[in-house]
Amino acid sequence: MDNKFNNKYRIPSNRLYGYDYGGIGCYYITICTKNRKHYFGKIEKGKMQLSEIGEVAQSEWLKTAELRPDMNLSLDEFVVMPNHFHCIICIGENQYNTQNGMNTMFYENKFGKQSKNLASVIRGFKSAITMYARKNNIDFAWQERFYDRIIRDSNEFERERTYIINNPKNWDNDKLR
């Protein structure tokens, strides 16, 4: 297989092959800042103290479902950390999907513009923060891509939720630090 797109080598996708990321499902997401620079603030006594751009990240995330009512999104736990962001987001049944992503094993992943799926939601979130930073002359950059984990059951959902809630208290042991 040729690993080129537009004549450039590309890193293979970390998305689950054959999974429809616009289908009904819940996801645990991690998005890091470029070079893991501490743009979003700092941890003091186990609590996150947001910088200006950290406040924007929090505000933009809270608007995510409202900005995309047609996708039937629900936001669960999230946390803005000094150099990364964790969240749980669920895509419900909507006019663009008809089934759970796991039931679409013959779905063909496609390169090109992503619309009405997880990648488009994350792209919009990252873009809003980047545009704010540029307009306000704030030094800021995201790491390319993002990490996602498909949440498969209620035990995993609770495990990820607990991790997010406790992330600021566990900052000293955080591998993304």
N, C-alpha and C. Protein backbone atom coordinates (compact mmCIF):
# COMPACT_ATOMS: atom_id res chain seq x y z
N MET A 1 0.84 -1.19 0.00
CA MET A 1 0.00 0.00 0.00
C MET A 1 0.88 1.25 0.00
N ASP A 2 0.57 2.19 -0.85
CA ASP A 2 1.31 3.45 -0.93
C ASP A 2 0.84 4.36 0.19
N ASN A 3 1.74 4.79 1.06
CA ASN A 3 1.39 5.65 2.18
C ASN A 3 1.49 7.13 1.83
N LYS A 4 1.11 7.47 0.60
CA LYS A 4 1.15 8.87 0.19
C LYS A 4 -0.27 9.38 -0.05
N PHE A 5 -0.47 10.63 0.30
CA PHE A 5 -1.70 11.35 0.02
C PHE A 5 -1.28 12.71 -0.49
N ASN A 6 -1.75 13.11 -1.65
CA ASN A 6 -1.31 14.37 -2.28
C ASN A 6 0.21 14.42 -2.40
N ASN A 7 0.81 13.26 -2.75
CA ASN A 7 2.25 13.13 -2.96
C ASN A 7 3.08 13.31 -1.69
N LYS A 8 2.47 13.21 -0.51
CA LYS A 8 3.19 13.30 0.75
C LYS A 8 2.98 12.01 1.52
N TYR A 9 4.03 11.57 2.22
CA TYR A 9 3.86 10.40 3.07
C TYR A 9 2.95 10.74 4.22
N ARG A 10 2.10 9.81 4.56
CA ARG A 10 1.20 10.04 5.69
C ARG A 10 1.37 8.93 6.72
N ILE A 11 1.11 9.29 7.93
CA ILE A 11 1.11 8.32 9.02
C ILE A 11 -0.20 7.57 8.93
N PRO A 12 -0.19 6.26 9.09
CA PRO A 12 -1.46 5.52 9.05
C PRO A 12 -2.44 6.04 10.10
N SER A 13 -3.70 6.01 9.77
CA SER A 13 -4.74 6.47 10.68
C SER A 13 -4.79 5.61 11.93
N ASN A 14 -5.07 6.23 13.06
CA ASN A 14 -5.25 5.45 14.28
C ASN A 14 -6.73 5.15 14.53
N ARG A 15 -7.58 5.46 13.58
CA ARG A 15 -9.00 5.15 13.69
C ARG A 15 -9.23 3.67 13.41
N LEU A 16 -10.22 3.10 14.06
CA LEU A 16 -10.56 1.69 13.87
C LEU A 16 -11.09 1.48 12.46
N TYR A 17 -10.39 0.67 11.71
CA TYR A 17 -10.78 0.41 10.33
C TYR A 17 -12.17 -0.21 10.29
N GLY A 18 -13.01 0.32 9.43
CA GLY A 18 -14.35 -0.22 9.26
C GLY A 18 -15.37 0.31 10.25
N TYR A 19 -14.97 1.20 11.14
CA TYR A 19 -15.90 1.74 12.14
C TYR A 19 -16.43 3.08 11.65
N ASP A 20 -17.71 3.28 11.77
CA ASP A 20 -18.36 4.53 11.35
C ASP A 20 -18.38 5.50 12.53
N TYR A 21 -17.49 6.48 12.51
CA TYR A 21 -17.39 7.45 13.60
C TYR A 21 -18.49 8.51 13.56
N GLY A 22 -19.44 8.37 12.69
CA GLY A 22 -20.65 9.19 12.69
C GLY A 22 -21.83 8.43 13.25
N GLY A 23 -21.62 7.14 13.52
CA GLY A 23 -22.67 6.29 14.06
C GLY A 23 -22.90 6.54 15.54
N ILE A 24 -23.93 5.93 16.06
CA ILE A 24 -24.27 6.06 17.47
C ILE A 24 -23.16 5.45 18.31
N GLY A 25 -22.64 6.23 19.26
CA GLY A 25 -21.58 5.71 20.12
C GLY A 25 -21.02 6.77 21.04
N CYS A 26 -20.25 6.32 22.04
CA CYS A 26 -19.59 7.22 22.98
C CYS A 26 -18.08 7.04 22.84
N TYR A 27 -17.37 8.14 23.04
CA TYR A 27 -15.93 8.17 22.83
C TYR A 27 -15.22 8.90 23.96
N TYR A 28 -14.08 8.36 24.34
CA TYR A 28 -13.16 9.04 25.24
C TYR A 28 -12.12 9.69 24.35
N ILE A 29 -11.90 10.99 24.51
CA ILE A 29 -11.03 11.78 23.64
C ILE A 29 -9.92 12.44 24.45
N THR A 30 -8.72 12.47 23.87
CA THR A 30 -7.62 13.26 24.40
C THR A 30 -7.05 14.08 23.25
N ILE A 31 -6.91 15.38 23.49
CA ILE A 31 -6.32 16.28 22.50
C ILE A 31 -5.18 17.01 23.20
N CYS A 32 -4.00 16.98 22.62
CA CYS A 32 -2.82 17.61 23.24
C CYS A 32 -2.43 18.89 22.51
N THR A 33 -1.78 19.77 23.25
CA THR A 33 -1.21 20.96 22.65
C THR A 33 0.12 20.59 21.99
N LYS A 34 0.56 21.41 21.06
CA LYS A 34 1.81 21.15 20.36
C LYS A 34 2.97 21.13 21.35
N ASN A 35 3.79 20.10 21.23
CA ASN A 35 4.94 19.90 22.12
C ASN A 35 4.56 19.88 23.59
N ARG A 36 3.28 19.62 23.84
CA ARG A 36 2.72 19.56 25.20
C ARG A 36 3.03 20.81 26.03
N LYS A 37 3.03 21.93 25.35
CA LYS A 37 3.26 23.21 26.01
C LYS A 37 2.05 23.55 26.89
N HIS A 38 2.30 24.13 28.03
CA HIS A 38 1.25 24.43 29.01
C HIS A 38 0.52 25.74 28.67
N TYR A 39 -0.29 25.70 27.65
CA TYR A 39 -1.05 26.88 27.22
C TYR A 39 -2.30 27.12 28.08
N PHE A 40 -2.91 26.06 28.59
CA PHE A 40 -4.24 26.17 29.19
C PHE A 40 -4.26 26.58 30.65
N GLY A 41 -3.11 26.68 31.29
CA GLY A 41 -3.08 27.08 32.70
C GLY A 41 -2.14 26.19 33.49
N LYS A 42 -2.43 26.06 34.79
CA LYS A 42 -1.57 25.27 35.66
C LYS A 42 -2.40 24.59 36.75
N ILE A 43 -1.82 23.58 37.33
CA ILE A 43 -2.45 22.85 38.44
C ILE A 43 -1.88 23.40 39.73
N GLU A 44 -2.77 23.80 40.63
CA GLU A 44 -2.38 24.26 41.97
C GLU A 44 -3.21 23.51 42.99
N LYS A 45 -2.53 22.81 43.88
CA LYS A 45 -3.20 22.03 44.93
C LYS A 45 -4.28 21.10 44.36
N GLY A 46 -3.95 20.45 43.27
CA GLY A 46 -4.85 19.46 42.68
C GLY A 46 -6.03 20.03 41.91
N LYS A 47 -6.01 21.35 41.67
CA LYS A 47 -7.11 21.98 40.92
C LYS A 47 -6.55 22.75 39.73
N MET A 48 -7.26 22.70 38.64
CA MET A 48 -6.84 23.39 37.42
C MET A 48 -7.16 24.86 37.52
N GLN A 49 -6.16 25.69 37.25
CA GLN A 49 -6.30 27.14 37.19
C GLN A 49 -6.16 27.53 35.71
N LEU A 50 -7.27 27.89 35.08
CA LEU A 50 -7.27 28.14 33.64
C LEU A 50 -6.66 29.48 33.27
N SER A 51 -5.88 29.47 32.20
CA SER A 51 -5.39 30.70 31.57
C SER A 51 -6.52 31.24 30.69
N GLU A 52 -6.28 32.34 30.02
CA GLU A 52 -7.29 32.89 29.11
C GLU A 52 -7.66 31.88 28.02
N ILE A 53 -6.67 31.26 27.41
CA ILE A 53 -6.95 30.31 26.34
C ILE A 53 -7.57 29.03 26.91
N GLY A 54 -7.25 28.70 28.15
CA GLY A 54 -7.88 27.57 28.84
C GLY A 54 -9.37 27.83 29.06
N GLU A 55 -9.69 29.07 29.43
CA GLU A 55 -11.11 29.44 29.60
C GLU A 55 -11.86 29.36 28.28
N VAL A 56 -11.19 29.75 27.21
CA VAL A 56 -11.81 29.66 25.88
C VAL A 56 -12.06 28.20 25.52
N ALA A 57 -11.08 27.34 25.79
CA ALA A 57 -11.25 25.91 25.50
C ALA A 57 -12.45 25.35 26.26
N GLN A 58 -12.57 25.68 27.52
CA GLN A 58 -13.70 25.21 28.32
C GLN A 58 -15.02 25.73 27.77
N SER A 59 -15.06 27.01 27.47
CA SER A 59 -16.27 27.63 26.93
C SER A 59 -16.67 27.03 25.58
N GLU A 60 -15.71 26.83 24.71
CA GLU A 60 -16.00 26.27 23.39
C GLU A 60 -16.50 24.83 23.51
N TRP A 61 -15.93 24.06 24.44
CA TRP A 61 -16.40 22.69 24.59
C TRP A 61 -17.86 22.68 25.07
N LEU A 62 -18.18 23.55 26.00
CA LEU A 62 -19.55 23.59 26.53
C LEU A 62 -20.57 23.97 25.46
N LYS A 63 -20.13 24.66 24.40
CA LYS A 63 -21.02 25.04 23.30
C LYS A 63 -21.14 23.98 22.21
N THR A 64 -20.32 22.93 22.31
CA THR A 64 -20.21 21.94 21.23
C THR A 64 -21.55 21.35 20.81
N ALA A 65 -22.31 20.84 21.75
CA ALA A 65 -23.59 20.19 21.41
C ALA A 65 -24.60 21.21 20.89
N GLU A 66 -24.60 22.40 21.49
CA GLU A 66 -25.52 23.46 21.08
C GLU A 66 -25.25 23.91 19.63
N LEU A 67 -23.99 23.92 19.23
CA LEU A 67 -23.62 24.33 17.88
C LEU A 67 -23.94 23.28 16.82
N ARG A 68 -24.17 22.05 17.27
CA ARG A 68 -24.42 20.94 16.34
C ARG A 68 -25.67 20.16 16.77
N PRO A 69 -26.81 20.83 16.88
CA PRO A 69 -28.02 20.14 17.37
C PRO A 69 -28.46 18.99 16.47
N ASP A 70 -28.15 19.07 15.20
CA ASP A 70 -28.55 18.03 14.25
C ASP A 70 -27.80 16.71 14.45
N MET A 71 -26.69 16.74 15.22
CA MET A 71 -25.92 15.51 15.44
C MET A 71 -26.35 14.77 16.71
N ASN A 72 -27.21 15.38 17.53
CA ASN A 72 -27.69 14.75 18.76
C ASN A 72 -26.51 14.34 19.65
N LEU A 73 -25.65 15.32 19.95
CA LEU A 73 -24.47 15.08 20.79
C LEU A 73 -24.82 15.23 22.26
N SER A 74 -24.18 14.44 23.09
CA SER A 74 -24.26 14.67 24.53
C SER A 74 -22.84 14.66 25.07
N LEU A 75 -22.57 15.64 25.92
CA LEU A 75 -21.25 15.80 26.52
C LEU A 75 -21.31 15.27 27.94
N ASP A 76 -20.34 14.50 28.31
CA ASP A 76 -20.26 13.99 29.67
C ASP A 76 -19.09 14.70 30.35
N GLU A 77 -18.34 14.01 31.16
CA GLU A 77 -17.21 14.62 31.87
C GLU A 77 -16.18 15.15 30.88
N PHE A 78 -15.52 16.21 31.28
CA PHE A 78 -14.38 16.74 30.53
C PHE A 78 -13.49 17.50 31.49
N VAL A 79 -12.24 17.68 31.08
CA VAL A 79 -11.33 18.48 31.88
C VAL A 79 -10.31 19.13 30.94
N VAL A 80 -10.07 20.40 31.19
CA VAL A 80 -9.01 21.13 30.50
C VAL A 80 -7.80 21.06 31.43
N MET A 81 -6.72 20.48 30.94
CA MET A 81 -5.49 20.35 31.71
C MET A 81 -4.46 21.34 31.15
N PRO A 82 -3.31 21.54 31.80
CA PRO A 82 -2.35 22.52 31.31
C PRO A 82 -1.96 22.35 29.84
N ASN A 83 -1.82 21.10 29.38
CA ASN A 83 -1.34 20.88 28.02
C ASN A 83 -2.18 19.87 27.24
N HIS A 84 -3.33 19.53 27.74
CA HIS A 84 -4.21 18.61 27.03
C HIS A 84 -5.65 18.74 27.51
N PHE A 85 -6.52 18.06 26.82
CA PHE A 85 -7.95 18.11 27.08
C PHE A 85 -8.49 16.69 27.00
N HIS A 86 -9.27 16.29 28.00
CA HIS A 86 -9.93 14.98 27.99
C HIS A 86 -11.44 15.20 28.01
N CYS A 87 -12.17 14.33 27.33
CA CYS A 87 -13.63 14.41 27.39
C CYS A 87 -14.25 13.08 27.02
N ILE A 88 -15.51 12.98 27.36
CA ILE A 88 -16.37 11.90 26.87
C ILE A 88 -17.48 12.58 26.09
N ILE A 89 -17.67 12.14 24.85
CA ILE A 89 -18.72 12.67 23.99
C ILE A 89 -19.48 11.50 23.38
N CYS A 90 -20.78 11.66 23.29
CA CYS A 90 -21.63 10.62 22.68
C CYS A 90 -22.38 11.20 21.50
N ILE A 91 -22.45 10.42 20.43
CA ILE A 91 -23.24 10.76 19.26
C ILE A 91 -24.49 9.90 19.30
N GLY A 92 -25.64 10.55 19.32
CA GLY A 92 -26.90 9.82 19.35
C GLY A 92 -27.47 9.64 17.96
N GLU A 93 -28.60 8.96 17.91
CA GLU A 93 -29.26 8.75 16.62
C GLU A 93 -29.63 10.10 16.02
N ASN A 94 -29.36 10.26 14.75
CA ASN A 94 -29.67 11.51 14.06
C ASN A 94 -29.91 11.23 12.58
N GLN A 95 -30.21 12.27 11.82
CA GLN A 95 -30.53 12.07 10.40
C GLN A 95 -29.36 11.60 9.55
N TYR A 96 -28.14 11.66 10.09
CA TYR A 96 -26.95 11.27 9.34
C TYR A 96 -26.50 9.84 9.64
N ASN A 97 -27.07 9.24 10.67
CA ASN A 97 -26.70 7.87 11.01
C ASN A 97 -27.97 7.06 11.30
N THR A 98 -27.84 5.79 11.22
CA THR A 98 -28.99 4.94 11.50
C THR A 98 -28.65 3.81 12.45
N GLN A 99 -27.37 3.66 12.77
CA GLN A 99 -27.01 2.53 13.62
C GLN A 99 -25.74 2.81 14.40
N ASN A 100 -25.49 1.91 15.32
CA ASN A 100 -24.29 1.94 16.12
C ASN A 100 -23.09 1.73 15.21
N GLY A 101 -22.01 2.46 15.44
CA GLY A 101 -20.82 2.32 14.61
C GLY A 101 -20.26 0.92 14.56
N MET A 102 -20.42 0.14 15.63
CA MET A 102 -19.88 -1.22 15.66
C MET A 102 -20.65 -2.15 14.74
N ASN A 103 -21.87 -1.81 14.39
CA ASN A 103 -22.67 -2.66 13.51
C ASN A 103 -22.40 -2.38 12.04
N THR A 104 -21.46 -1.53 11.75
CA THR A 104 -21.19 -1.16 10.37
C THR A 104 -19.81 -1.65 9.94
N MET A 105 -19.54 -2.90 10.18
CA MET A 105 -18.21 -3.44 9.92
C MET A 105 -17.83 -3.41 8.43
N PHE A 106 -18.79 -3.15 7.55
CA PHE A 106 -18.47 -3.04 6.13
C PHE A 106 -18.43 -1.59 5.69
N TYR A 107 -18.47 -0.68 6.66
CA TYR A 107 -18.33 0.74 6.39
C TYR A 107 -16.92 0.98 5.88
N GLU A 108 -16.79 1.76 4.82
CA GLU A 108 -15.46 2.02 4.26
C GLU A 108 -14.97 3.38 4.73
N ASN A 109 -13.85 3.39 5.48
CA ASN A 109 -13.24 4.65 5.89
C ASN A 109 -12.76 5.36 4.63
N LYS A 110 -12.94 6.69 4.59
CA LYS A 110 -12.57 7.44 3.41
C LYS A 110 -11.70 8.62 3.80
N PHE A 111 -10.71 8.90 2.94
CA PHE A 111 -9.96 10.14 3.09
C PHE A 111 -10.82 11.24 2.52
N GLY A 112 -10.55 12.45 2.90
CA GLY A 112 -11.31 13.56 2.37
C GLY A 112 -12.05 14.27 3.48
N LYS A 113 -12.89 15.19 3.10
CA LYS A 113 -13.61 16.01 4.05
C LYS A 113 -14.49 15.15 4.96
N GLN A 114 -14.35 15.38 6.24
CA GLN A 114 -15.15 14.68 7.24
C GLN A 114 -16.31 15.57 7.64
N SER A 115 -17.49 14.99 7.69
CA SER A 115 -18.66 15.78 8.03
C SER A 115 -19.61 14.96 8.89
N LYS A 116 -20.18 15.59 9.88
CA LYS A 116 -21.19 14.97 10.75
C LYS A 116 -20.68 13.69 11.40
N ASN A 117 -19.44 13.75 11.88
CA ASN A 117 -18.86 12.62 12.60
C ASN A 117 -17.92 13.16 13.69
N LEU A 118 -17.29 12.25 14.41
CA LEU A 118 -16.42 12.64 15.51
C LEU A 118 -15.31 13.57 15.06
N ALA A 119 -14.66 13.26 13.96
CA ALA A 119 -13.55 14.09 13.47
C ALA A 119 -14.00 15.51 13.18
N SER A 120 -15.19 15.68 12.63
CA SER A 120 -15.67 17.03 12.32
C SER A 120 -15.96 17.82 13.59
N VAL A 121 -16.42 17.15 14.63
CA VAL A 121 -16.67 17.82 15.92
C VAL A 121 -15.36 18.30 16.52
N ILE A 122 -14.37 17.42 16.54
CA ILE A 122 -13.06 17.77 17.13
C ILE A 122 -12.39 18.86 16.29
N ARG A 123 -12.48 18.76 14.97
CA ARG A 123 -11.91 19.79 14.10
C ARG A 123 -12.53 21.16 14.41
N GLY A 124 -13.84 21.21 14.58
CA GLY A 124 -14.51 22.47 14.88
C GLY A 124 -14.08 23.04 16.22
N PHE A 125 -13.96 22.18 17.23
CA PHE A 125 -13.51 22.60 18.55
C PHE A 125 -12.10 23.17 18.50
N LYS A 126 -11.18 22.43 17.88
CA LYS A 126 -9.80 22.88 17.79
C LYS A 126 -9.69 24.18 16.99
N SER A 127 -10.45 24.27 15.93
CA SER A 127 -10.43 25.45 15.07
C SER A 127 -10.90 26.69 15.81
N ALA A 128 -11.95 26.57 16.60
CA ALA A 128 -12.49 27.73 17.34
C ALA A 128 -11.45 28.30 18.30
N ILE A 129 -10.73 27.44 18.97
CA ILE A 129 -9.71 27.90 19.92
C ILE A 129 -8.52 28.51 19.18
N THR A 130 -8.12 27.89 18.11
CA THR A 130 -7.02 28.42 17.31
C THR A 130 -7.37 29.80 16.75
N MET A 131 -8.58 29.95 16.24
CA MET A 131 -9.00 31.25 15.68
C MET A 131 -9.02 32.32 16.77
N TYR A 132 -9.50 31.99 17.97
CA TYR A 132 -9.50 32.95 19.08
C TYR A 132 -8.07 33.38 19.39
N ALA A 133 -7.18 32.41 19.48
CA ALA A 133 -5.78 32.72 19.80
C ALA A 133 -5.17 33.65 18.76
N ARG A 134 -5.42 33.37 17.49
CA ARG A 134 -4.87 34.22 16.42
C ARG A 134 -5.44 35.63 16.47
N LYS A 135 -6.76 35.73 16.66
CA LYS A 135 -7.40 37.05 16.71
C LYS A 135 -6.89 37.89 17.87
N ASN A 136 -6.53 37.20 18.96
CA ASN A 136 -6.11 37.90 20.17
C ASN A 136 -4.61 37.84 20.41
N ASN A 137 -3.87 37.47 19.37
CA ASN A 137 -2.41 37.46 19.42
C ASN A 137 -1.86 36.64 20.60
N ILE A 138 -2.48 35.46 20.81
CA ILE A 138 -2.05 34.57 21.89
C ILE A 138 -1.25 33.42 21.28
N ASP A 139 -0.07 33.19 21.83
CA ASP A 139 0.75 32.07 21.38
C ASP A 139 0.01 30.77 21.69
N PHE A 140 -0.29 29.97 20.67
CA PHE A 140 -1.03 28.73 20.88
C PHE A 140 -0.93 27.84 19.65
N ALA A 141 -0.83 26.52 19.89
CA ALA A 141 -0.86 25.55 18.78
C ALA A 141 -1.28 24.18 19.32
N TRP A 142 -2.01 23.45 18.49
CA TRP A 142 -2.42 22.09 18.81
C TRP A 142 -1.42 21.09 18.24
N GLN A 143 -1.32 19.95 18.87
CA GLN A 143 -0.66 18.79 18.26
C GLN A 143 -1.59 18.31 17.14
N GLU A 144 -1.02 17.81 16.07
CA GLU A 144 -1.85 17.26 15.00
C GLU A 144 -2.60 16.05 15.56
N ARG A 145 -3.76 15.80 15.00
CA ARG A 145 -4.57 14.64 15.35
C ARG A 145 -5.12 14.70 16.77
N PHE A 146 -5.76 13.61 17.18
CA PHE A 146 -6.26 13.45 18.53
C PHE A 146 -6.38 11.96 18.80
N TYR A 147 -6.46 11.61 20.07
CA TYR A 147 -6.61 10.21 20.46
C TYR A 147 -8.08 9.96 20.77
N ASP A 148 -8.62 8.85 20.29
CA ASP A 148 -9.98 8.48 20.68
C ASP A 148 -10.01 7.02 21.09
N ARG A 149 -10.91 6.73 21.96
CA ARG A 149 -11.18 5.35 22.35
C ARG A 149 -12.69 5.17 22.31
N ILE A 150 -13.14 4.17 21.58
CA ILE A 150 -14.56 3.86 21.52
C ILE A 150 -14.93 3.22 22.85
N ILE A 151 -15.91 3.79 23.54
CA ILE A 151 -16.35 3.24 24.82
C ILE A 151 -17.35 2.13 24.53
N ARG A 152 -17.03 0.93 24.98
CA ARG A 152 -17.81 -0.24 24.58
C ARG A 152 -18.84 -0.71 25.60
N ASP A 153 -18.70 -0.30 26.87
CA ASP A 153 -19.68 -0.74 27.87
C ASP A 153 -19.70 0.23 29.04
N SER A 154 -20.63 0.02 29.98
CA SER A 154 -20.81 0.94 31.11
C SER A 154 -19.61 0.92 32.06
N ASN A 155 -18.94 -0.22 32.20
CA ASN A 155 -17.76 -0.26 33.06
C ASN A 155 -16.65 0.62 32.51
N GLU A 156 -16.43 0.54 31.22
CA GLU A 156 -15.41 1.38 30.58
C GLU A 156 -15.81 2.85 30.67
N PHE A 157 -17.09 3.14 30.49
CA PHE A 157 -17.59 4.51 30.59
C PHE A 157 -17.26 5.08 31.97
N GLU A 158 -17.55 4.33 33.02
CA GLU A 158 -17.29 4.80 34.39
C GLU A 158 -15.80 4.92 34.66
N ARG A 159 -15.00 4.02 34.13
CA ARG A 159 -13.54 4.07 34.30
C ARG A 159 -12.97 5.34 33.68
N GLU A 160 -13.39 5.66 32.45
CA GLU A 160 -12.92 6.87 31.78
C GLU A 160 -13.42 8.13 32.49
N ARG A 161 -14.65 8.10 32.93
CA ARG A 161 -15.23 9.24 33.66
C ARG A 161 -14.42 9.51 34.94
N THR A 162 -14.12 8.47 35.68
CA THR A 162 -13.35 8.61 36.92
C THR A 162 -11.95 9.15 36.62
N TYR A 163 -11.33 8.65 35.57
CA TYR A 163 -10.00 9.14 35.18
C TYR A 163 -10.04 10.64 34.91
N ILE A 164 -11.04 11.09 34.17
CA ILE A 164 -11.16 12.51 33.84
C ILE A 164 -11.35 13.34 35.11
N ILE A 165 -12.25 12.92 35.97
CA ILE A 165 -12.54 13.66 37.20
C ILE A 165 -11.28 13.79 38.06
N ASN A 166 -10.50 12.72 38.14
CA ASN A 166 -9.32 12.70 39.02
C ASN A 166 -8.05 13.23 38.36
N ASN A 167 -8.10 13.56 37.09
CA ASN A 167 -6.90 13.96 36.36
C ASN A 167 -6.15 15.13 37.01
N PRO A 168 -6.82 16.22 37.41
CA PRO A 168 -6.07 17.31 38.06
C PRO A 168 -5.37 16.89 39.35
N LYS A 169 -6.02 16.06 40.16
CA LYS A 169 -5.42 15.60 41.42
C LYS A 169 -4.21 14.70 41.17
N ASN A 170 -4.20 14.02 40.02
CA ASN A 170 -3.13 13.08 39.69
C ASN A 170 -2.09 13.68 38.75
N TRP A 171 -2.08 14.98 38.60
CA TRP A 171 -1.19 15.66 37.65
C TRP A 171 0.27 15.28 37.83
N ASP A 172 0.72 15.16 39.06
CA ASP A 172 2.14 14.85 39.29
C ASP A 172 2.54 13.50 38.69
N ASN A 173 1.58 12.61 38.50
CA ASN A 173 1.85 11.29 37.92
C ASN A 173 1.41 11.17 36.49
N ASP A 174 0.96 12.27 35.87
CA ASP A 174 0.37 12.22 34.52
C ASP A 174 1.45 12.05 33.47
N LYS A 175 1.27 11.06 32.60
CA LYS A 175 2.25 10.81 31.54
C LYS A 175 2.24 11.89 30.47
N LEU A 176 1.18 12.69 30.38
CA LEU A 176 1.12 13.79 29.40
C LEU A 176 1.71 15.09 29.95
N ARG A 177 2.21 15.06 31.12
CA ARG A 177 2.73 16.24 31.80
C ARG A 177 3.91 16.76 31.06
